[in-house]
Amino acid sequence: MAYFANGTSADIFQQEHCQDCLFFGRCPIWDLHFMWNYDAIGRDADETKAEALAHFIPDLHSCNMRVTLEDADRMKAAGVTSFDEFEEKRDAEIQHYQEWMDEYGAVR
């Protein structure tokens, strides 16, 4: 799981991985990371939160939710015809994730 020790390390990650993402400025994963970051580390760490964060931002070099314009073009080629459709699919994935979190008793 990526851990941002301070605002500078978070800013650097955003500059390298987020600014060209279609979710930049409205990313649920980024928000979740900041809500759970401290809960997921340390002696009394919440392992469910740590695993969830590690799934989306596994390290300081990648984000599994990142979607660039190039990615969007590939999705269109694969049959996703509009950004609205993409957002619907993204929202369905987020809903699936939230259901998973509810099923395993994670606190939001």
PDB file of N, CA and C in Angstrom:
ATOM      1  N   MET A   1       0.834  -1.167   0.000  1.00  0.00           N
ATOM      2  CA  MET A   1       0.000   0.000   0.000  1.00  0.00           C
ATOM      3  C   MET A   1       0.884   1.238   0.000  1.00  0.00           C
ATOM      4  N   ALA A   2       0.558   2.187  -0.829  1.00  0.00           N
ATOM      5  CA  ALA A   2       1.310   3.436  -0.832  1.00  0.00           C
ATOM      6  C   ALA A   2       0.985   4.213   0.439  1.00  0.00           C
ATOM      7  N   TYR A   3       2.008   4.724   1.068  1.00  0.00           N
ATOM      8  CA  TYR A   3       1.803   5.560   2.247  1.00  0.00           C
ATOM      9  C   TYR A   3       2.450   6.905   1.970  1.00  0.00           C
ATOM     10  N   PHE A   4       1.671   7.956   2.113  1.00  0.00           N
ATOM     11  CA  PHE A   4       2.179   9.301   1.892  1.00  0.00           C
ATOM     12  C   PHE A   4       2.501   9.909   3.255  1.00  0.00           C
ATOM     13  N   ALA A   5       3.783  10.027   3.532  1.00  0.00           N
ATOM     14  CA  ALA A   5       4.228  10.488   4.839  1.00  0.00           C
ATOM     15  C   ALA A   5       3.927  11.959   5.077  1.00  0.00           C
ATOM     16  N   ASN A   6       3.749  12.697   3.996  1.00  0.00           N
ATOM     17  CA  ASN A   6       3.470  14.122   4.136  1.00  0.00           C
ATOM     18  C   ASN A   6       2.803  14.632   2.857  1.00  0.00           C
ATOM     19  N   GLY A   7       2.398  15.875   2.868  1.00  0.00           N
ATOM     20  CA  GLY A   7       1.728  16.457   1.714  1.00  0.00           C
ATOM     21  C   GLY A   7       2.594  16.500   0.476  1.00  0.00           C
ATOM     22  N   THR A   8       3.887  16.670   0.669  1.00  0.00           N
ATOM     23  CA  THR A   8       4.791  16.727  -0.483  1.00  0.00           C
ATOM     24  C   THR A   8       4.805  15.404  -1.230  1.00  0.00           C
ATOM     25  N   SER A   9       4.898  14.296  -0.502  1.00  0.00           N
ATOM     26  CA  SER A   9       4.919  12.996  -1.184  1.00  0.00           C
ATOM     27  C   SER A   9       3.586  12.739  -1.890  1.00  0.00           C
ATOM     28  N   ALA A  10       2.493  13.176  -1.307  1.00  0.00           N
ATOM     29  CA  ALA A  10       1.186  13.035  -1.965  1.00  0.00           C
ATOM     30  C   ALA A  10       1.115  13.905  -3.220  1.00  0.00           C
ATOM     31  N   ASP A  11       1.618  15.120  -3.135  1.00  0.00           N
ATOM     32  CA  ASP A  11       1.633  16.015  -4.299  1.00  0.00           C
ATOM     33  C   ASP A  11       2.471  15.432  -5.438  1.00  0.00           C
ATOM     34  N   ILE A  12       3.607  14.864  -5.099  1.00  0.00           N
ATOM     35  CA  ILE A  12       4.471  14.261  -6.123  1.00  0.00           C
ATOM     36  C   ILE A  12       3.748  13.099  -6.796  1.00  0.00           C
ATOM     37  N   PHE A  13       3.096  12.254  -5.997  1.00  0.00           N
ATOM     38  CA  PHE A  13       2.343  11.140  -6.581  1.00  0.00           C
ATOM     39  C   PHE A  13       1.270  11.670  -7.529  1.00  0.00           C
ATOM     40  N   GLN A  14       0.534  12.699  -7.087  1.00  0.00           N
ATOM     41  CA  GLN A  14      -0.512  13.264  -7.942  1.00  0.00           C
ATOM     42  C   GLN A  14       0.059  13.819  -9.240  1.00  0.00           C
ATOM     43  N   GLN A  15       1.177  14.503  -9.173  1.00  0.00           N
ATOM     44  CA  GLN A  15       1.788  15.055 -10.381  1.00  0.00           C
ATOM     45  C   GLN A  15       2.193  13.952 -11.347  1.00  0.00           C
ATOM     46  N   GLU A  16       2.691  12.842 -10.817  1.00  0.00           N
ATOM     47  CA  GLU A  16       3.183  11.769 -11.672  1.00  0.00           C
ATOM     48  C   GLU A  16       2.098  10.830 -12.169  1.00  0.00           C
ATOM     49  N   HIS A  17       1.010  10.670 -11.393  1.00  0.00           N
ATOM     50  CA  HIS A  17       0.044   9.629 -11.717  1.00  0.00           C
ATOM     51  C   HIS A  17      -1.394  10.094 -11.887  1.00  0.00           C
ATOM     52  N   CYS A  18      -1.712  11.298 -11.473  1.00  0.00           N
ATOM     53  CA  CYS A  18      -3.120  11.694 -11.444  1.00  0.00           C
ATOM     54  C   CYS A  18      -3.499  12.793 -12.430  1.00  0.00           C
ATOM     55  N   GLN A  19      -2.591  13.689 -12.734  1.00  0.00           N
ATOM     56  CA  GLN A  19      -2.970  14.879 -13.487  1.00  0.00           C
ATOM     57  C   GLN A  19      -3.507  14.584 -14.882  1.00  0.00           C
ATOM     58  N   ASP A  20      -3.120  13.471 -15.485  1.00  0.00           N
ATOM     59  CA  ASP A  20      -3.645  13.151 -16.809  1.00  0.00           C
ATOM     60  C   ASP A  20      -4.758  12.103 -16.747  1.00  0.00           C
ATOM     61  N   CYS A  21      -5.236  11.819 -15.542  1.00  0.00           N
ATOM     62  CA  CYS A  21      -6.305  10.849 -15.350  1.00  0.00           C
ATOM     63  C   CYS A  21      -7.663  11.533 -15.492  1.00  0.00           C
ATOM     64  N   LEU A  22      -8.616  10.834 -16.071  1.00  0.00           N
ATOM     65  CA  LEU A  22      -9.955  11.389 -16.240  1.00  0.00           C
ATOM     66  C   LEU A  22     -10.653  11.637 -14.909  1.00  0.00           C
ATOM     67  N   PHE A  23     -10.188  10.998 -13.839  1.00  0.00           N
ATOM     68  CA  PHE A  23     -10.799  11.170 -12.523  1.00  0.00           C
ATOM     69  C   PHE A  23     -10.132  12.263 -11.691  1.00  0.00           C
ATOM     70  N   PHE A  24      -9.106  12.906 -12.223  1.00  0.00           N
ATOM     71  CA  PHE A  24      -8.350  13.902 -11.455  1.00  0.00           C
ATOM     72  C   PHE A  24      -9.295  14.970 -10.903  1.00  0.00           C
ATOM     73  N   GLY A  25      -9.193  15.203  -9.624  1.00  0.00           N
ATOM     74  CA  GLY A  25     -10.026  16.199  -8.966  1.00  0.00           C
ATOM     75  C   GLY A  25     -11.349  15.662  -8.452  1.00  0.00           C
ATOM     76  N   ARG A  26     -11.682  14.429  -8.818  1.00  0.00           N
ATOM     77  CA  ARG A  26     -12.925  13.802  -8.345  1.00  0.00           C
ATOM     78  C   ARG A  26     -12.756  12.295  -8.211  1.00  0.00           C
ATOM     79  N   CYS A  27     -11.608  11.889  -7.741  1.00  0.00           N
ATOM     80  CA  CYS A  27     -11.256  10.471  -7.664  1.00  0.00           C
ATOM     81  C   CYS A  27     -11.682   9.875  -6.312  1.00  0.00           C
ATOM     82  N   PRO A  28     -12.578   8.902  -6.338  1.00  0.00           N
ATOM     83  CA  PRO A  28     -12.998   8.296  -5.071  1.00  0.00           C
ATOM     84  C   PRO A  28     -11.868   7.530  -4.390  1.00  0.00           C
ATOM     85  N   ILE A  29     -10.935   7.015  -5.171  1.00  0.00           N
ATOM     86  CA  ILE A  29      -9.827   6.262  -4.592  1.00  0.00           C
ATOM     87  C   ILE A  29      -8.879   7.192  -3.839  1.00  0.00           C
ATOM     88  N   TRP A  30      -8.614   8.352  -4.407  1.00  0.00           N
ATOM     89  CA  TRP A  30      -7.758   9.340  -3.735  1.00  0.00           C
ATOM     90  C   TRP A  30      -8.408   9.773  -2.424  1.00  0.00           C
ATOM     91  N   ASP A  31      -9.721  10.031  -2.473  1.00  0.00           N
ATOM     92  CA  ASP A  31     -10.439  10.433  -1.259  1.00  0.00           C
ATOM     93  C   ASP A  31     -10.386   9.326  -0.206  1.00  0.00           C
ATOM     94  N   LEU A  32     -10.637   8.109  -0.643  1.00  0.00           N
ATOM     95  CA  LEU A  32     -10.609   6.969   0.268  1.00  0.00           C
ATOM     96  C   LEU A  32      -9.228   6.807   0.881  1.00  0.00           C
ATOM     97  N   HIS A  33      -8.201   7.008   0.076  1.00  0.00           N
ATOM     98  CA  HIS A  33      -6.839   6.872   0.579  1.00  0.00           C
ATOM     99  C   HIS A  33      -6.581   7.861   1.718  1.00  0.00           C
ATOM    100  N   PHE A  34      -7.051   9.072   1.553  1.00  0.00           N
ATOM    101  CA  PHE A  34      -6.819  10.054   2.610  1.00  0.00           C
ATOM    102  C   PHE A  34      -7.696   9.820   3.829  1.00  0.00           C
ATOM    103  N   MET A  35      -8.874   9.241   3.642  1.00  0.00           N
ATOM    104  CA  MET A  35      -9.730   8.945   4.793  1.00  0.00           C
ATOM    105  C   MET A  35      -9.181   7.778   5.610  1.00  0.00           C
ATOM    106  N   TRP A  36      -8.550   6.796   4.944  1.00  0.00           N
ATOM    107  CA  TRP A  36      -8.135   5.568   5.610  1.00  0.00           C
ATOM    108  C   TRP A  36      -6.643   5.421   5.815  1.00  0.00           C
ATOM    109  N   ASN A  37      -5.841   6.313   5.285  1.00  0.00           N
ATOM    110  CA  ASN A  37      -4.393   6.142   5.300  1.00  0.00           C
ATOM    111  C   ASN A  37      -3.847   5.815   6.694  1.00  0.00           C
ATOM    112  N   TYR A  38      -4.210   6.614   7.688  1.00  0.00           N
ATOM    113  CA  TYR A  38      -3.667   6.388   9.029  1.00  0.00           C
ATOM    114  C   TYR A  38      -4.269   5.160   9.695  1.00  0.00           C
ATOM    115  N   ASP A  39      -5.527   4.831   9.343  1.00  0.00           N
ATOM    116  CA  ASP A  39      -6.155   3.636   9.907  1.00  0.00           C
ATOM    117  C   ASP A  39      -5.496   2.360   9.415  1.00  0.00           C
ATOM    118  N   ALA A  40      -4.859   2.419   8.258  1.00  0.00           N
ATOM    119  CA  ALA A  40      -4.329   1.223   7.613  1.00  0.00           C
ATOM    120  C   ALA A  40      -2.873   0.936   7.957  1.00  0.00           C
ATOM    121  N   ILE A  41      -2.265   1.731   8.809  1.00  0.00           N
ATOM    122  CA  ILE A  41      -0.859   1.511   9.175  1.00  0.00           C
ATOM    123  C   ILE A  41      -0.724   1.431  10.684  1.00  0.00           C
ATOM    124  N   GLY A  42       0.426   1.034  11.132  1.00  0.00           N
ATOM    125  CA  GLY A  42       0.724   1.041  12.561  1.00  0.00           C
ATOM    126  C   GLY A  42       0.365  -0.254  13.268  1.00  0.00           C
ATOM    127  N   ARG A  43       0.539  -0.241  14.564  1.00  0.00           N
ATOM    128  CA  ARG A  43       0.335  -1.435  15.379  1.00  0.00           C
ATOM    129  C   ARG A  43      -1.115  -1.897  15.379  1.00  0.00           C
ATOM    130  N   ASP A  44      -2.056  -0.962  15.404  1.00  0.00           N
ATOM    131  CA  ASP A  44      -3.475  -1.307  15.432  1.00  0.00           C
ATOM    132  C   ASP A  44      -4.117  -1.137  14.057  1.00  0.00           C
ATOM    133  N   ALA A  45      -3.365  -1.456  13.025  1.00  0.00           N
ATOM    134  CA  ALA A  45      -3.830  -1.236  11.653  1.00  0.00           C
ATOM    135  C   ALA A  45      -5.070  -2.061  11.331  1.00  0.00           C
ATOM    136  N   ASP A  46      -5.957  -1.469  10.579  1.00  0.00           N
ATOM    137  CA  ASP A  46      -7.137  -2.151  10.069  1.00  0.00           C
ATOM    138  C   ASP A  46      -6.720  -2.861   8.782  1.00  0.00           C
ATOM    139  N   GLU A  47      -6.599  -4.174   8.839  1.00  0.00           N
ATOM    140  CA  GLU A  47      -6.083  -4.929   7.695  1.00  0.00           C
ATOM    141  C   GLU A  47      -7.006  -4.842   6.483  1.00  0.00           C
ATOM    142  N   THR A  48      -8.306  -4.763   6.707  1.00  0.00           N
ATOM    143  CA  THR A  48      -9.243  -4.658   5.585  1.00  0.00           C
ATOM    144  C   THR A  48      -9.026  -3.354   4.837  1.00  0.00           C
ATOM    145  N   LYS A  49      -8.859  -2.273   5.579  1.00  0.00           N
ATOM    146  CA  LYS A  49      -8.600  -0.986   4.930  1.00  0.00           C
ATOM    147  C   LYS A  49      -7.259  -1.010   4.209  1.00  0.00           C
ATOM    148  N   ALA A  50      -6.255  -1.596   4.823  1.00  0.00           N
ATOM    149  CA  ALA A  50      -4.935  -1.676   4.193  1.00  0.00           C
ATOM    150  C   ALA A  50      -5.007  -2.466   2.895  1.00  0.00           C
ATOM    151  N   GLU A  51      -5.722  -3.591   2.901  1.00  0.00           N
ATOM    152  CA  GLU A  51      -5.840  -4.405   1.694  1.00  0.00           C
ATOM    153  C   GLU A  51      -6.602  -3.654   0.601  1.00  0.00           C
ATOM    154  N   ALA A  52      -7.657  -2.951   0.987  1.00  0.00           N
ATOM    155  CA  ALA A  52      -8.422  -2.194  -0.005  1.00  0.00           C
ATOM    156  C   ALA A  52      -7.558  -1.103  -0.630  1.00  0.00           C
ATOM    157  N   LEU A  53      -6.833  -0.371   0.180  1.00  0.00           N
ATOM    158  CA  LEU A  53      -5.973   0.686  -0.350  1.00  0.00           C
ATOM    159  C   LEU A  53      -4.867   0.107  -1.221  1.00  0.00           C
ATOM    160  N   ALA A  54      -4.324  -1.010  -0.802  1.00  0.00           N
ATOM    161  CA  ALA A  54      -3.255  -1.644  -1.585  1.00  0.00           C
ATOM    162  C   ALA A  54      -3.773  -2.133  -2.933  1.00  0.00           C
ATOM    163  N   HIS A  55      -5.038  -2.489  -2.983  1.00  0.00           N
ATOM    164  CA  HIS A  55      -5.622  -2.934  -4.250  1.00  0.00           C
ATOM    165  C   HIS A  55      -5.638  -1.799  -5.276  1.00  0.00           C
ATOM    166  N   PHE A  56      -5.965  -0.599  -4.843  1.00  0.00           N
ATOM    167  CA  PHE A  56      -6.093   0.521  -5.772  1.00  0.00           C
ATOM    168  C   PHE A  56      -4.801   1.289  -5.984  1.00  0.00           C
ATOM    169  N   ILE A  57      -4.060   1.547  -4.915  1.00  0.00           N
ATOM    170  CA  ILE A  57      -2.772   2.238  -5.019  1.00  0.00           C
ATOM    171  C   ILE A  57      -1.747   1.348  -4.316  1.00  0.00           C
ATOM    172  N   PRO A  58      -1.218   0.357  -5.041  1.00  0.00           N
ATOM    173  CA  PRO A  58      -0.357  -0.644  -4.398  1.00  0.00           C
ATOM    174  C   PRO A  58       0.993  -0.119  -3.922  1.00  0.00           C
ATOM    175  N   ASP A  59       1.497   0.914  -4.555  1.00  0.00           N
ATOM    176  CA  ASP A  59       2.803   1.442  -4.181  1.00  0.00           C
ATOM    177  C   ASP A  59       2.890   2.897  -4.645  1.00  0.00           C
ATOM    178  N   LEU A  60       4.021   3.487  -4.448  1.00  0.00           N
ATOM    179  CA  LEU A  60       4.192   4.898  -4.821  1.00  0.00           C
ATOM    180  C   LEU A  60       4.457   5.086  -6.309  1.00  0.00           C
ATOM    181  N   HIS A  61       4.303   4.013  -7.088  1.00  0.00           N
ATOM    182  CA  HIS A  61       4.608   4.097  -8.516  1.00  0.00           C
ATOM    183  C   HIS A  61       3.431   3.754  -9.410  1.00  0.00           C
ATOM    184  N   SER A  62       2.245   3.505  -8.839  1.00  0.00           N
ATOM    185  CA  SER A  62       1.120   3.119  -9.693  1.00  0.00           C
ATOM    186  C   SER A  62      -0.222   3.358  -9.016  1.00  0.00           C
ATOM    187  N   CYS A  63      -1.242   3.471  -9.856  1.00  0.00           N
ATOM    188  CA  CYS A  63      -2.626   3.558  -9.401  1.00  0.00           C
ATOM    189  C   CYS A  63      -3.451   2.676 -10.332  1.00  0.00           C
ATOM    190  N   ASN A  64      -4.177   1.741  -9.771  1.00  0.00           N
ATOM    191  CA  ASN A  64      -4.950   0.802 -10.579  1.00  0.00           C
ATOM    192  C   ASN A  64      -6.247   1.396 -11.116  1.00  0.00           C
ATOM    193  N   MET A  65      -6.613   2.592 -10.707  1.00  0.00           N
ATOM    194  CA  MET A  65      -7.829   3.237 -11.198  1.00  0.00           C
ATOM    195  C   MET A  65      -7.539   4.282 -12.267  1.00  0.00           C
ATOM    196  N   ARG A  66      -6.294   4.527 -12.559  1.00  0.00           N
ATOM    197  CA  ARG A  66      -5.900   5.590 -13.490  1.00  0.00           C
ATOM    198  C   ARG A  66      -6.428   5.318 -14.900  1.00  0.00           C
ATOM    199  N   VAL A  67      -7.108   6.297 -15.456  1.00  0.00           N
ATOM    200  CA  VAL A  67      -7.638   6.208 -16.819  1.00  0.00           C
ATOM    201  C   VAL A  67      -7.268   7.498 -17.541  1.00  0.00           C
ATOM    202  N   THR A  68      -6.451   7.380 -18.565  1.00  0.00           N
ATOM    203  CA  THR A  68      -6.042   8.547 -19.349  1.00  0.00           C
ATOM    204  C   THR A  68      -6.917   8.667 -20.591  1.00  0.00           C
ATOM    205  N   LEU A  69      -6.740   9.741 -21.332  1.00  0.00           N
ATOM    206  CA  LEU A  69      -7.475   9.901 -22.584  1.00  0.00           C
ATOM    207  C   LEU A  69      -7.137   8.775 -23.558  1.00  0.00           C
ATOM    208  N   GLU A  70      -5.886   8.337 -23.550  1.00  0.00           N
ATOM    209  CA  GLU A  70      -5.499   7.204 -24.395  1.00  0.00           C
ATOM    210  C   GLU A  70      -6.270   5.947 -23.995  1.00  0.00           C
ATOM    211  N   ASP A  71      -6.419   5.746 -22.682  1.00  0.00           N
ATOM    212  CA  ASP A  71      -7.200   4.611 -22.209  1.00  0.00           C
ATOM    213  C   ASP A  71      -8.648   4.728 -22.669  1.00  0.00           C
ATOM    214  N   ALA A  72      -9.181   5.938 -22.600  1.00  0.00           N
ATOM    215  CA  ALA A  72     -10.566   6.172 -23.021  1.00  0.00           C
ATOM    216  C   ALA A  72     -10.726   5.844 -24.506  1.00  0.00           C
ATOM    217  N   ASP A  73      -9.730   6.194 -25.305  1.00  0.00           N
ATOM    218  CA  ASP A  73      -9.783   5.855 -26.729  1.00  0.00           C
ATOM    219  C   ASP A  73      -9.805   4.340 -26.930  1.00  0.00           C
ATOM    220  N   ARG A  74      -9.004   3.628 -26.146  1.00  0.00           N
ATOM    221  CA  ARG A  74      -9.000   2.164 -26.241  1.00  0.00           C
ATOM    222  C   ARG A  74     -10.351   1.586 -25.809  1.00  0.00           C
ATOM    223  N   MET A  75     -10.966   2.215 -24.791  1.00  0.00           N
ATOM    224  CA  MET A  75     -12.275   1.737 -24.344  1.00  0.00           C
ATOM    225  C   MET A  75     -13.325   1.950 -25.429  1.00  0.00           C
ATOM    226  N   LYS A  76     -13.247   3.079 -26.107  1.00  0.00           N
ATOM    227  CA  LYS A  76     -14.174   3.322 -27.206  1.00  0.00           C
ATOM    228  C   LYS A  76     -14.001   2.254 -28.279  1.00  0.00           C
ATOM    229  N   ALA A  77     -12.747   1.911 -28.556  1.00  0.00           N
ATOM    230  CA  ALA A  77     -12.475   0.871 -29.551  1.00  0.00           C
ATOM    231  C   ALA A  77     -13.032  -0.481 -29.095  1.00  0.00           C
ATOM    232  N   ALA A  78     -13.135  -0.656 -27.791  1.00  0.00           N
ATOM    233  CA  ALA A  78     -13.655  -1.910 -27.246  1.00  0.00           C
ATOM    234  C   ALA A  78     -15.170  -1.894 -27.079  1.00  0.00           C
ATOM    235  N   GLY A  79     -15.808  -0.797 -27.509  1.00  0.00           N
ATOM    236  CA  GLY A  79     -17.263  -0.758 -27.468  1.00  0.00           C
ATOM    237  C   GLY A  79     -17.871   0.192 -26.463  1.00  0.00           C
ATOM    238  N   VAL A  80     -17.056   0.829 -25.640  1.00  0.00           N
ATOM    239  CA  VAL A  80     -17.592   1.841 -24.739  1.00  0.00           C
ATOM    240  C   VAL A  80     -17.746   3.101 -25.571  1.00  0.00           C
ATOM    241  N   THR A  81     -18.980   3.555 -25.760  1.00  0.00           N
ATOM    242  CA  THR A  81     -19.242   4.583 -26.762  1.00  0.00           C
ATOM    243  C   THR A  81     -19.271   6.007 -26.238  1.00  0.00           C
ATOM    244  N   SER A  82     -19.321   6.187 -24.917  1.00  0.00           N
ATOM    245  CA  SER A  82     -19.361   7.559 -24.402  1.00  0.00           C
ATOM    246  C   SER A  82     -18.739   7.615 -23.016  1.00  0.00           C
ATOM    247  N   PHE A  83     -18.361   8.806 -22.632  1.00  0.00           N
ATOM    248  CA  PHE A  83     -17.824   8.964 -21.285  1.00  0.00           C
ATOM    249  C   PHE A  83     -18.908   8.660 -20.262  1.00  0.00           C
ATOM    250  N   ASP A  84     -20.172   8.957 -20.605  1.00  0.00           N
ATOM    251  CA  ASP A  84     -21.276   8.634 -19.698  1.00  0.00           C
ATOM    252  C   ASP A  84     -21.340   7.125 -19.452  1.00  0.00           C
ATOM    253  N   GLU A  85     -21.175   6.359 -20.529  1.00  0.00           N
ATOM    254  CA  GLU A  85     -21.179   4.906 -20.384  1.00  0.00           C
ATOM    255  C   GLU A  85     -19.983   4.461 -19.542  1.00  0.00           C
ATOM    256  N   PHE A  86     -18.842   5.083 -19.779  1.00  0.00           N
ATOM    257  CA  PHE A  86     -17.671   4.765 -18.980  1.00  0.00           C
ATOM    258  C   PHE A  86     -17.934   5.073 -17.508  1.00  0.00           C
ATOM    259  N   GLU A  87     -18.536   6.251 -17.245  1.00  0.00           N
ATOM    260  CA  GLU A  87     -18.837   6.615 -15.861  1.00  0.00           C
ATOM    261  C   GLU A  87     -19.819   5.631 -15.241  1.00  0.00           C
ATOM    262  N   GLU A  88     -20.793   5.173 -16.017  1.00  0.00           N
ATOM    263  CA  GLU A  88     -21.733   4.176 -15.510  1.00  0.00           C
ATOM    264  C   GLU A  88     -20.995   2.895 -15.130  1.00  0.00           C
ATOM    265  N   LYS A  89     -20.071   2.471 -15.980  1.00  0.00           N
ATOM    266  CA  LYS A  89     -19.299   1.261 -15.681  1.00  0.00           C
ATOM    267  C   LYS A  89     -18.408   1.499 -14.457  1.00  0.00           C
ATOM    268  N   ARG A  90     -17.815   2.686 -14.381  1.00  0.00           N
ATOM    269  CA  ARG A  90     -16.985   3.008 -13.215  1.00  0.00           C
ATOM    270  C   ARG A  90     -17.831   3.012 -11.953  1.00  0.00           C
ATOM    271  N   ASP A  91     -19.019   3.638 -12.029  1.00  0.00           N
ATOM    272  CA  ASP A  91     -19.901   3.685 -10.866  1.00  0.00           C
ATOM    273  C   ASP A  91     -20.333   2.291 -10.440  1.00  0.00           C
ATOM    274  N   ALA A  92     -20.561   1.404 -11.415  1.00  0.00           N
ATOM    275  CA  ALA A  92     -20.909   0.020 -11.101  1.00  0.00           C
ATOM    276  C   ALA A  92     -19.754  -0.667 -10.377  1.00  0.00           C
ATOM    277  N   GLU A  93     -18.528  -0.385 -10.818  1.00  0.00           N
ATOM    278  CA  GLU A  93     -17.364  -0.955 -10.139  1.00  0.00           C
ATOM    279  C   GLU A  93     -17.242  -0.420  -8.716  1.00  0.00           C
ATOM    280  N   ILE A  94     -17.497   0.861  -8.544  1.00  0.00           N
ATOM    281  CA  ILE A  94     -17.436   1.453  -7.209  1.00  0.00           C
ATOM    282  C   ILE A  94     -18.518   0.840  -6.327  1.00  0.00           C
ATOM    283  N   GLN A  95     -19.724   0.668  -6.878  1.00  0.00           N
ATOM    284  CA  GLN A  95     -20.815   0.033  -6.131  1.00  0.00           C
ATOM    285  C   GLN A  95     -20.425  -1.387  -5.730  1.00  0.00           C
ATOM    286  N   HIS A  96     -19.826  -2.117  -6.661  1.00  0.00           N
ATOM    287  CA  HIS A  96     -19.366  -3.477  -6.365  1.00  0.00           C
ATOM    288  C   HIS A  96     -18.340  -3.446  -5.226  1.00  0.00           C
ATOM    289  N   TYR A  97     -17.443  -2.496  -5.291  1.00  0.00           N
ATOM    290  CA  TYR A  97     -16.423  -2.350  -4.245  1.00  0.00           C
ATOM    291  C   TYR A  97     -17.081  -2.035  -2.901  1.00  0.00           C
ATOM    292  N   GLN A  98     -18.065  -1.128  -2.898  1.00  0.00           N
ATOM    293  CA  GLN A  98     -18.737  -0.777  -1.652  1.00  0.00           C
ATOM    294  C   GLN A  98     -19.479  -1.982  -1.075  1.00  0.00           C
ATOM    295  N   GLU A  99     -20.101  -2.769  -1.943  1.00  0.00           N
ATOM    296  CA  GLU A  99     -20.771  -3.984  -1.481  1.00  0.00           C
ATOM    297  C   GLU A  99     -19.772  -4.959  -0.879  1.00  0.00           C
ATOM    298  N   TRP A 100     -18.606  -5.062  -1.512  1.00  0.00           N
ATOM    299  CA  TRP A 100     -17.558  -5.911  -0.981  1.00  0.00           C
ATOM    300  C   TRP A 100     -17.138  -5.431   0.403  1.00  0.00           C
ATOM    301  N   MET A 101     -16.987  -4.118   0.538  1.00  0.00           N
ATOM    302  CA  MET A 101     -16.591  -3.552   1.824  1.00  0.00           C
ATOM    303  C   MET A 101     -17.656  -3.839   2.881  1.00  0.00           C
ATOM    304  N   ASP A 102     -18.925  -3.702   2.512  1.00  0.00           N
ATOM    305  CA  ASP A 102     -20.016  -3.986   3.450  1.00  0.00           C
ATOM    306  C   ASP A 102     -20.020  -5.467   3.848  1.00  0.00           C
ATOM    307  N   GLU A 103     -19.791  -6.326   2.874  1.00  0.00           N
ATOM    308  CA  GLU A 103     -19.805  -7.761   3.121  1.00  0.00           C
ATOM    309  C   GLU A 103     -18.716  -8.173   4.113  1.00  0.00           C
ATOM    310  N   TYR A 104     -17.566  -7.549   4.001  1.00  0.00           N
ATOM    311  CA  TYR A 104     -16.450  -7.904   4.869  1.00  0.00           C
ATOM    312  C   TYR A 104     -16.340  -7.018   6.108  1.00  0.00           C
ATOM    313  N   GLY A 105     -17.353  -6.201   6.329  1.00  0.00           N
ATOM    314  CA  GLY A 105     -17.420  -5.431   7.562  1.00  0.00           C
ATOM    315  C   GLY A 105     -16.465  -4.269   7.671  1.00  0.00           C
ATOM    316  N   ALA A 106     -16.017  -3.749   6.548  1.00  0.00           N
ATOM    317  CA  ALA A 106     -15.103  -2.604   6.609  1.00  0.00           C
ATOM    318  C   ALA A 106     -15.887  -1.351   6.974  1.00  0.00           C
ATOM    319  N   VAL A 107     -15.285  -0.517   7.753  1.00  0.00           N
ATOM    320  CA  VAL A 107     -15.911   0.736   8.170  1.00  0.00           C
ATOM    321  C   VAL A 107     -15.568   1.797   7.143  1.00  0.00           C
ATOM    322  N   ARG A 108     -16.573   2.535   6.692  1.00  0.00           N
ATOM    323  CA  ARG A 108     -16.325   3.615   5.728  1.00  0.00           C
ATOM    324  C   ARG A 108     -16.337   4.927   6.433  1.00  0.00           C
TER     325      ARG A 108
END
